[in-house]
Amino acid sequence: LWGVSFGALVTIFQAAVTKQVDTGKDVATSLQSSTFNFGIVFGSALGGLIIDNSSVFYIIFGTMALLVVPILFSFSRRAIFT
């Protein structure tokens, strides 16, 4: 299930990074891969800590809070950067 849902993201991100960088493509793609894997590790560790110290219910609130910030930022982006 994990590979089916997120497996293509790594390839898409690698292609996007490769197109953005003229020199040092190997460094850029390795940093992208490391950052992607760090996000997985950090999210798993944080989720485990939340479940150990409270309940799964707080995972839902945390996810909603993490989704609201980028949504609000995307709506206000035009006003900030124009």
PDB file of N, CA and C in Angstrom:
ATOM      1  N   LEU A   1       0.828  -1.195   0.000  1.00  0.00           N
ATOM      2  CA  LEU A   1       0.000   0.000   0.000  1.00  0.00           C
ATOM      3  C   LEU A   1       0.871   1.257   0.000  1.00  0.00           C
ATOM      4  N   TRP A   2       1.944   1.240   0.789  1.00  0.00           N
ATOM      5  CA  TRP A   2       2.832   2.403   0.859  1.00  0.00           C
ATOM      6  C   TRP A   2       3.492   2.667  -0.487  1.00  0.00           C
ATOM      7  N   GLY A   3       4.018   1.643  -1.114  1.00  0.00           N
ATOM      8  CA  GLY A   3       4.689   1.810  -2.399  1.00  0.00           C
ATOM      9  C   GLY A   3       3.747   2.244  -3.503  1.00  0.00           C
ATOM     10  N   VAL A   4       2.514   1.771  -3.460  1.00  0.00           N
ATOM     11  CA  VAL A   4       1.538   2.151  -4.481  1.00  0.00           C
ATOM     12  C   VAL A   4       1.144   3.611  -4.329  1.00  0.00           C
ATOM     13  N   SER A   5       0.984   4.068  -3.092  1.00  0.00           N
ATOM     14  CA  SER A   5       0.511   5.436  -2.893  1.00  0.00           C
ATOM     15  C   SER A   5       1.614   6.477  -2.979  1.00  0.00           C
ATOM     16  N   PHE A   6       2.817   6.171  -2.545  1.00  0.00           N
ATOM     17  CA  PHE A   6       3.877   7.174  -2.514  1.00  0.00           C
ATOM     18  C   PHE A   6       5.106   6.812  -3.342  1.00  0.00           C
ATOM     19  N   GLY A   7       5.105   5.679  -3.977  1.00  0.00           N
ATOM     20  CA  GLY A   7       6.268   5.244  -4.743  1.00  0.00           C
ATOM     21  C   GLY A   7       6.617   6.153  -5.901  1.00  0.00           C
ATOM     22  N   ALA A   8       5.608   6.693  -6.557  1.00  0.00           N
ATOM     23  CA  ALA A   8       5.860   7.564  -7.713  1.00  0.00           C
ATOM     24  C   ALA A   8       6.377   8.936  -7.304  1.00  0.00           C
ATOM     25  N   LEU A   9       6.123   9.353  -6.072  1.00  0.00           N
ATOM     26  CA  LEU A   9       6.562  10.683  -5.639  1.00  0.00           C
ATOM     27  C   LEU A   9       8.072  10.844  -5.694  1.00  0.00           C
ATOM     28  N   VAL A  10       8.794   9.824  -5.318  1.00  0.00           N
ATOM     29  CA  VAL A  10      10.253   9.914  -5.315  1.00  0.00           C
ATOM     30  C   VAL A  10      10.773  10.172  -6.726  1.00  0.00           C
ATOM     31  N   THR A  11      10.242   9.457  -7.693  1.00  0.00           N
ATOM     32  CA  THR A  11      10.667   9.646  -9.079  1.00  0.00           C
ATOM     33  C   THR A  11      10.284  11.022  -9.599  1.00  0.00           C
ATOM     34  N   ILE A  12       9.093  11.480  -9.270  1.00  0.00           N
ATOM     35  CA  ILE A  12       8.647  12.809  -9.702  1.00  0.00           C
ATOM     36  C   ILE A  12       9.517  13.890  -9.081  1.00  0.00           C
ATOM     37  N   PHE A  13       9.810  13.773  -7.789  1.00  0.00           N
ATOM     38  CA  PHE A  13      10.652  14.771  -7.122  1.00  0.00           C
ATOM     39  C   PHE A  13      12.072  14.757  -7.673  1.00  0.00           C
ATOM     40  N   GLN A  14      12.604  13.567  -7.945  1.00  0.00           N
ATOM     41  CA  GLN A  14      13.951  13.476  -8.513  1.00  0.00           C
ATOM     42  C   GLN A  14      14.004  14.152  -9.879  1.00  0.00           C
ATOM     43  N   ALA A  15      12.989  13.934 -10.698  1.00  0.00           N
ATOM     44  CA  ALA A  15      12.950  14.568 -12.024  1.00  0.00           C
ATOM     45  C   ALA A  15      12.829  16.078 -11.903  1.00  0.00           C
ATOM     46  N   ALA A  16      12.021  16.558 -10.955  1.00  0.00           N
ATOM     47  CA  ALA A  16      11.861  18.001 -10.767  1.00  0.00           C
ATOM     48  C   ALA A  16      13.161  18.643 -10.297  1.00  0.00           C
ATOM     49  N   VAL A  17      13.862  17.997  -9.374  1.00  0.00           N
ATOM     50  CA  VAL A  17      15.137  18.532  -8.886  1.00  0.00           C
ATOM     51  C   VAL A  17      16.167  18.536 -10.004  1.00  0.00           C
ATOM     52  N   THR A  18      16.201  17.489 -10.793  1.00  0.00           N
ATOM     53  CA  THR A  18      17.163  17.405 -11.893  1.00  0.00           C
ATOM     54  C   THR A  18      16.934  18.506 -12.922  1.00  0.00           C
ATOM     55  N   LYS A  19      15.689  18.860 -13.172  1.00  0.00           N
ATOM     56  CA  LYS A  19      15.390  19.922 -14.134  1.00  0.00           C
ATOM     57  C   LYS A  19      15.742  21.308 -13.594  1.00  0.00           C
ATOM     58  N   GLN A  20      15.719  21.490 -12.278  1.00  0.00           N
ATOM     59  CA  GLN A  20      15.966  22.799 -11.682  1.00  0.00           C
ATOM     60  C   GLN A  20      17.441  23.128 -11.538  1.00  0.00           C
ATOM     61  N   VAL A  21      18.298  22.116 -11.508  1.00  0.00           N
ATOM     62  CA  VAL A  21      19.717  22.316 -11.216  1.00  0.00           C
ATOM     63  C   VAL A  21      20.540  22.099 -12.482  1.00  0.00           C
ATOM     64  N   ASP A  22      21.432  23.048 -12.767  1.00  0.00           N
ATOM     65  CA  ASP A  22      22.304  22.902 -13.937  1.00  0.00           C
ATOM     66  C   ASP A  22      23.568  22.112 -13.607  1.00  0.00           C
ATOM     67  N   THR A  23      24.226  22.474 -12.513  1.00  0.00           N
ATOM     68  CA  THR A  23      25.434  21.760 -12.094  1.00  0.00           C
ATOM     69  C   THR A  23      25.198  21.160 -10.715  1.00  0.00           C
ATOM     70  N   GLY A  24      25.869  20.083 -10.425  1.00  0.00           N
ATOM     71  CA  GLY A  24      25.731  19.433  -9.126  1.00  0.00           C
ATOM     72  C   GLY A  24      24.444  18.641  -8.988  1.00  0.00           C
ATOM     73  N   LYS A  25      24.019  18.006 -10.067  1.00  0.00           N
ATOM     74  CA  LYS A  25      22.774  17.242 -10.030  1.00  0.00           C
ATOM     75  C   LYS A  25      22.846  16.074  -9.051  1.00  0.00           C
ATOM     76  N   ASP A  26      24.023  15.468  -8.929  1.00  0.00           N
ATOM     77  CA  ASP A  26      24.156  14.343  -8.012  1.00  0.00           C
ATOM     78  C   ASP A  26      23.981  14.787  -6.567  1.00  0.00           C
ATOM     79  N   VAL A  27      24.515  15.950  -6.226  1.00  0.00           N
ATOM     80  CA  VAL A  27      24.362  16.475  -4.865  1.00  0.00           C
ATOM     81  C   VAL A  27      22.913  16.868  -4.612  1.00  0.00           C
ATOM     82  N   ALA A  28      22.292  17.524  -5.577  1.00  0.00           N
ATOM     83  CA  ALA A  28      20.908  17.969  -5.416  1.00  0.00           C
ATOM     84  C   ALA A  28      19.953  16.795  -5.245  1.00  0.00           C
ATOM     85  N   THR A  29      20.119  15.754  -6.053  1.00  0.00           N
ATOM     86  CA  THR A  29      19.225  14.608  -5.936  1.00  0.00           C
ATOM     87  C   THR A  29      19.476  13.819  -4.656  1.00  0.00           C
ATOM     88  N   SER A  30      20.725  13.770  -4.193  1.00  0.00           N
ATOM     89  CA  SER A  30      20.989  13.074  -2.930  1.00  0.00           C
ATOM     90  C   SER A  30      20.418  13.852  -1.751  1.00  0.00           C
ATOM     91  N   LEU A  31      20.484  15.181  -1.798  1.00  0.00           N
ATOM     92  CA  LEU A  31      19.872  15.993  -0.741  1.00  0.00           C
ATOM     93  C   LEU A  31      18.353  15.847  -0.751  1.00  0.00           C
ATOM     94  N   GLN A  32      17.765  15.792  -1.934  1.00  0.00           N
ATOM     95  CA  GLN A  32      16.319  15.611  -2.031  1.00  0.00           C
ATOM     96  C   GLN A  32      15.912  14.263  -1.460  1.00  0.00           C
ATOM     97  N   SER A  33      16.644  13.228  -1.800  1.00  0.00           N
ATOM     98  CA  SER A  33      16.334  11.895  -1.300  1.00  0.00           C
ATOM     99  C   SER A  33      16.499  11.816   0.217  1.00  0.00           C
ATOM    100  N   SER A  34      17.556  12.425   0.729  1.00  0.00           N
ATOM    101  CA  SER A  34      17.786  12.428   2.175  1.00  0.00           C
ATOM    102  C   SER A  34      16.693  13.191   2.908  1.00  0.00           C
ATOM    103  N   THR A  35      16.280  14.319   2.352  1.00  0.00           N
ATOM    104  CA  THR A  35      15.223  15.117   2.970  1.00  0.00           C
ATOM    105  C   THR A  35      13.898  14.366   2.958  1.00  0.00           C
ATOM    106  N   PHE A  36      13.592  13.702   1.860  1.00  0.00           N
ATOM    107  CA  PHE A  36      12.368  12.912   1.757  1.00  0.00           C
ATOM    108  C   PHE A  36      12.358  11.811   2.817  1.00  0.00           C
ATOM    109  N   ASN A  37      13.470  11.092   2.952  1.00  0.00           N
ATOM    110  CA  ASN A  37      13.557  10.021   3.945  1.00  0.00           C
ATOM    111  C   ASN A  37      13.545  10.560   5.368  1.00  0.00           C
ATOM    112  N   PHE A  38      14.161  11.729   5.604  1.00  0.00           N
ATOM    113  CA  PHE A  38      14.114  12.339   6.931  1.00  0.00           C
ATOM    114  C   PHE A  38      12.679  12.701   7.301  1.00  0.00           C
ATOM    115  N   GLY A  39      11.906  13.165   6.336  1.00  0.00           N
ATOM    116  CA  GLY A  39      10.501  13.474   6.596  1.00  0.00           C
ATOM    117  C   GLY A  39       9.718  12.241   7.019  1.00  0.00           C
ATOM    118  N   ILE A  40      10.012  11.118   6.387  1.00  0.00           N
ATOM    119  CA  ILE A  40       9.352   9.866   6.762  1.00  0.00           C
ATOM    120  C   ILE A  40       9.742   9.460   8.180  1.00  0.00           C
ATOM    121  N   VAL A  41      11.031   9.551   8.493  1.00  0.00           N
ATOM    122  CA  VAL A  41      11.512   9.183   9.831  1.00  0.00           C
ATOM    123  C   VAL A  41      10.920  10.106  10.889  1.00  0.00           C
ATOM    124  N   PHE A  42      10.952  11.414  10.635  1.00  0.00           N
ATOM    125  CA  PHE A  42      10.449  12.385  11.611  1.00  0.00           C
ATOM    126  C   PHE A  42       8.946  12.214  11.827  1.00  0.00           C
ATOM    127  N   GLY A  43       8.198  12.019  10.745  1.00  0.00           N
ATOM    128  CA  GLY A  43       6.757  11.822  10.875  1.00  0.00           C
ATOM    129  C   GLY A  43       6.411  10.550  11.629  1.00  0.00           C
ATOM    130  N   SER A  44       7.146   9.487  11.371  1.00  0.00           N
ATOM    131  CA  SER A  44       6.904   8.226  12.081  1.00  0.00           C
ATOM    132  C   SER A  44       7.231   8.352  13.560  1.00  0.00           C
ATOM    133  N   ALA A  45       8.347   9.003  13.861  1.00  0.00           N
ATOM    134  CA  ALA A  45       8.739   9.180  15.262  1.00  0.00           C
ATOM    135  C   ALA A  45       7.745  10.068  16.001  1.00  0.00           C
ATOM    136  N   LEU A  46       7.328  11.151  15.372  1.00  0.00           N
ATOM    137  CA  LEU A  46       6.368  12.050  16.010  1.00  0.00           C
ATOM    138  C   LEU A  46       5.027  11.362  16.211  1.00  0.00           C
ATOM    139  N   GLY A  47       4.580  10.621  15.207  1.00  0.00           N
ATOM    140  CA  GLY A  47       3.331   9.877  15.353  1.00  0.00           C
ATOM    141  C   GLY A  47       3.411   8.831  16.451  1.00  0.00           C
ATOM    142  N   GLY A  48       4.549   8.147  16.548  1.00  0.00           N
ATOM    143  CA  GLY A  48       4.731   7.169  17.619  1.00  0.00           C
ATOM    144  C   GLY A  48       4.723   7.800  18.994  1.00  0.00           C
ATOM    145  N   LEU A  49       5.368   8.955  19.131  1.00  0.00           N
ATOM    146  CA  LEU A  49       5.358   9.664  20.416  1.00  0.00           C
ATOM    147  C   LEU A  49       3.952  10.113  20.797  1.00  0.00           C
ATOM    148  N   ILE A  50       3.210  10.610  19.831  1.00  0.00           N
ATOM    149  CA  ILE A  50       1.845  11.057  20.118  1.00  0.00           C
ATOM    150  C   ILE A  50       0.975   9.883  20.537  1.00  0.00           C
ATOM    151  N   ILE A  51       1.091   8.760  19.846  1.00  0.00           N
ATOM    152  CA  ILE A  51       0.276   7.594  20.199  1.00  0.00           C
ATOM    153  C   ILE A  51       0.688   7.024  21.551  1.00  0.00           C
ATOM    154  N   ASP A  52       1.992   7.006  21.856  1.00  0.00           N
ATOM    155  CA  ASP A  52       2.447   6.489  23.148  1.00  0.00           C
ATOM    156  C   ASP A  52       1.993   7.360  24.311  1.00  0.00           C
ATOM    157  N   ASN A  53       1.999   8.680  24.124  1.00  0.00           N
ATOM    158  CA  ASN A  53       1.709   9.591  25.229  1.00  0.00           C
ATOM    159  C   ASN A  53       0.262  10.051  25.286  1.00  0.00           C
ATOM    160  N   SER A  54      -0.523   9.826  24.256  1.00  0.00           N
ATOM    161  CA  SER A  54      -1.928  10.231  24.277  1.00  0.00           C
ATOM    162  C   SER A  54      -2.733   9.215  23.469  1.00  0.00           C
ATOM    163  N   SER A  55      -3.538   9.681  22.552  1.00  0.00           N
ATOM    164  CA  SER A  55      -4.354   8.749  21.771  1.00  0.00           C
ATOM    165  C   SER A  55      -4.273   9.079  20.285  1.00  0.00           C
ATOM    166  N   VAL A  56      -4.855   8.195  19.500  1.00  0.00           N
ATOM    167  CA  VAL A  56      -4.866   8.376  18.054  1.00  0.00           C
ATOM    168  C   VAL A  56      -5.679   9.611  17.678  1.00  0.00           C
ATOM    169  N   PHE A  57      -6.590  10.007  18.532  1.00  0.00           N
ATOM    170  CA  PHE A  57      -7.432  11.172  18.276  1.00  0.00           C
ATOM    171  C   PHE A  57      -6.592  12.429  18.060  1.00  0.00           C
ATOM    172  N   TYR A  58      -5.468  12.549  18.762  1.00  0.00           N
ATOM    173  CA  TYR A  58      -4.604  13.721  18.601  1.00  0.00           C
ATOM    174  C   TYR A  58      -3.850  13.712  17.269  1.00  0.00           C
ATOM    175  N   ILE A  59      -3.683  12.540  16.673  1.00  0.00           N
ATOM    176  CA  ILE A  59      -3.080  12.463  15.339  1.00  0.00           C
ATOM    177  C   ILE A  59      -3.978  13.185  14.336  1.00  0.00           C
ATOM    178  N   ILE A  60      -5.293  13.008  14.481  1.00  0.00           N
ATOM    179  CA  ILE A  60      -6.241  13.668  13.576  1.00  0.00           C
ATOM    180  C   ILE A  60      -6.149  15.178  13.730  1.00  0.00           C
ATOM    181  N   PHE A  61      -6.115  15.677  14.970  1.00  0.00           N
ATOM    182  CA  PHE A  61      -5.998  17.119  15.187  1.00  0.00           C
ATOM    183  C   PHE A  61      -4.674  17.658  14.669  1.00  0.00           C
ATOM    184  N   GLY A  62      -3.603  16.933  14.872  1.00  0.00           N
ATOM    185  CA  GLY A  62      -2.302  17.367  14.370  1.00  0.00           C
ATOM    186  C   GLY A  62      -2.264  17.414  12.854  1.00  0.00           C
ATOM    187  N   THR A  63      -2.867  16.418  12.223  1.00  0.00           N
ATOM    188  CA  THR A  63      -2.924  16.398  10.762  1.00  0.00           C
ATOM    189  C   THR A  63      -3.743  17.561  10.232  1.00  0.00           C
ATOM    190  N   MET A  64      -4.861  17.841  10.870  1.00  0.00           N
ATOM    191  CA  MET A  64      -5.686  18.974  10.438  1.00  0.00           C
ATOM    192  C   MET A  64      -4.944  20.290  10.612  1.00  0.00           C
ATOM    193  N   ALA A  65      -4.216  20.430  11.703  1.00  0.00           N
ATOM    194  CA  ALA A  65      -3.452  21.660  11.924  1.00  0.00           C
ATOM    195  C   ALA A  65      -2.347  21.811  10.889  1.00  0.00           C
ATOM    196  N   LEU A  66      -1.685  20.708  10.552  1.00  0.00           N
ATOM    197  CA  LEU A  66      -0.623  20.771   9.550  1.00  0.00           C
ATOM    198  C   LEU A  66      -1.168  21.007   8.143  1.00  0.00           C
ATOM    199  N   LEU A  67      -2.416  20.691   7.903  1.00  0.00           N
ATOM    200  CA  LEU A  67      -3.017  20.950   6.596  1.00  0.00           C
ATOM    201  C   LEU A  67      -3.547  22.375   6.472  1.00  0.00           C
ATOM    202  N   VAL A  68      -4.002  22.954   7.576  1.00  0.00           N
ATOM    203  CA  VAL A  68      -4.583  24.295   7.535  1.00  0.00           C
ATOM    204  C   VAL A  68      -3.525  25.342   7.206  1.00  0.00           C
ATOM    205  N   VAL A  69      -2.346  25.218   7.764  1.00  0.00           N
ATOM    206  CA  VAL A  69      -1.292  26.220   7.548  1.00  0.00           C
ATOM    207  C   VAL A  69      -0.921  26.354   6.072  1.00  0.00           C
ATOM    208  N   PRO A  70      -0.603  25.277   5.343  1.00  0.00           N
ATOM    209  CA  PRO A  70      -0.276  25.471   3.927  1.00  0.00           C
ATOM    210  C   PRO A  70      -1.457  25.929   3.083  1.00  0.00           C
ATOM    211  N   ILE A  71      -2.669  25.519   3.452  1.00  0.00           N
ATOM    212  CA  ILE A  71      -3.839  25.975   2.697  1.00  0.00           C
ATOM    213  C   ILE A  71      -4.017  27.477   2.861  1.00  0.00           C
ATOM    214  N   LEU A  72      -3.919  27.979   4.087  1.00  0.00           N
ATOM    215  CA  LEU A  72      -4.019  29.425   4.304  1.00  0.00           C
ATOM    216  C   LEU A  72      -2.886  30.165   3.621  1.00  0.00           C
ATOM    217  N   PHE A  73      -1.691  29.601   3.656  1.00  0.00           N
ATOM    218  CA  PHE A  73      -0.553  30.227   2.996  1.00  0.00           C
ATOM    219  C   PHE A  73      -0.757  30.292   1.489  1.00  0.00           C
ATOM    220  N   SER A  74      -1.316  29.239   0.913  1.00  0.00           N
ATOM    221  CA  SER A  74      -1.525  29.242  -0.538  1.00  0.00           C
ATOM    222  C   SER A  74      -2.578  30.256  -0.949  1.00  0.00           C
ATOM    223  N   PHE A  75      -3.586  30.483  -0.114  1.00  0.00           N
ATOM    224  CA  PHE A  75      -4.585  31.496  -0.437  1.00  0.00           C
ATOM    225  C   PHE A  75      -4.031  32.905  -0.282  1.00  0.00           C
ATOM    226  N   SER A  76      -3.150  33.105   0.685  1.00  0.00           N
ATOM    227  CA  SER A  76      -2.610  34.447   0.916  1.00  0.00           C
ATOM    228  C   SER A  76      -1.336  34.713   0.124  1.00  0.00           C
ATOM    229  N   ARG A  77      -0.855  33.758  -0.607  1.00  0.00           N
ATOM    230  CA  ARG A  77       0.418  33.896  -1.306  1.00  0.00           C
ATOM    231  C   ARG A  77       0.391  35.021  -2.331  1.00  0.00           C
ATOM    232  N   ARG A  78      -0.676  35.155  -3.058  1.00  0.00           N
ATOM    233  CA  ARG A  78      -0.751  36.220  -4.052  1.00  0.00           C
ATOM    234  C   ARG A  78      -0.684  37.589  -3.397  1.00  0.00           C
ATOM    235  N   ALA A  79      -1.326  37.748  -2.278  1.00  0.00           N
ATOM    236  CA  ALA A  79      -1.318  39.048  -1.607  1.00  0.00           C
ATOM    237  C   ALA A  79       0.058  39.375  -1.039  1.00  0.00           C
ATOM    238  N   ILE A  80       0.788  38.371  -0.595  1.00  0.00           N
ATOM    239  CA  ILE A  80       2.097  38.604   0.013  1.00  0.00           C
ATOM    240  C   ILE A  80       3.153  38.893  -1.037  1.00  0.00           C
ATOM    241  N   PHE A  81       3.162  38.143  -2.119  1.00  0.00           N
ATOM    242  CA  PHE A  81       4.263  38.208  -3.074  1.00  0.00           C
ATOM    243  C   PHE A  81       3.999  39.072  -4.298  1.00  0.00           C
ATOM    244  N   THR A  82       2.883  39.763  -4.342  1.00  0.00           N
ATOM    245  CA  THR A  82       2.641  40.630  -5.503  1.00  0.00           C
ATOM    246  C   THR A  82       2.780  42.081  -5.150  1.00  0.00           C
TER     247      THR A  82
END
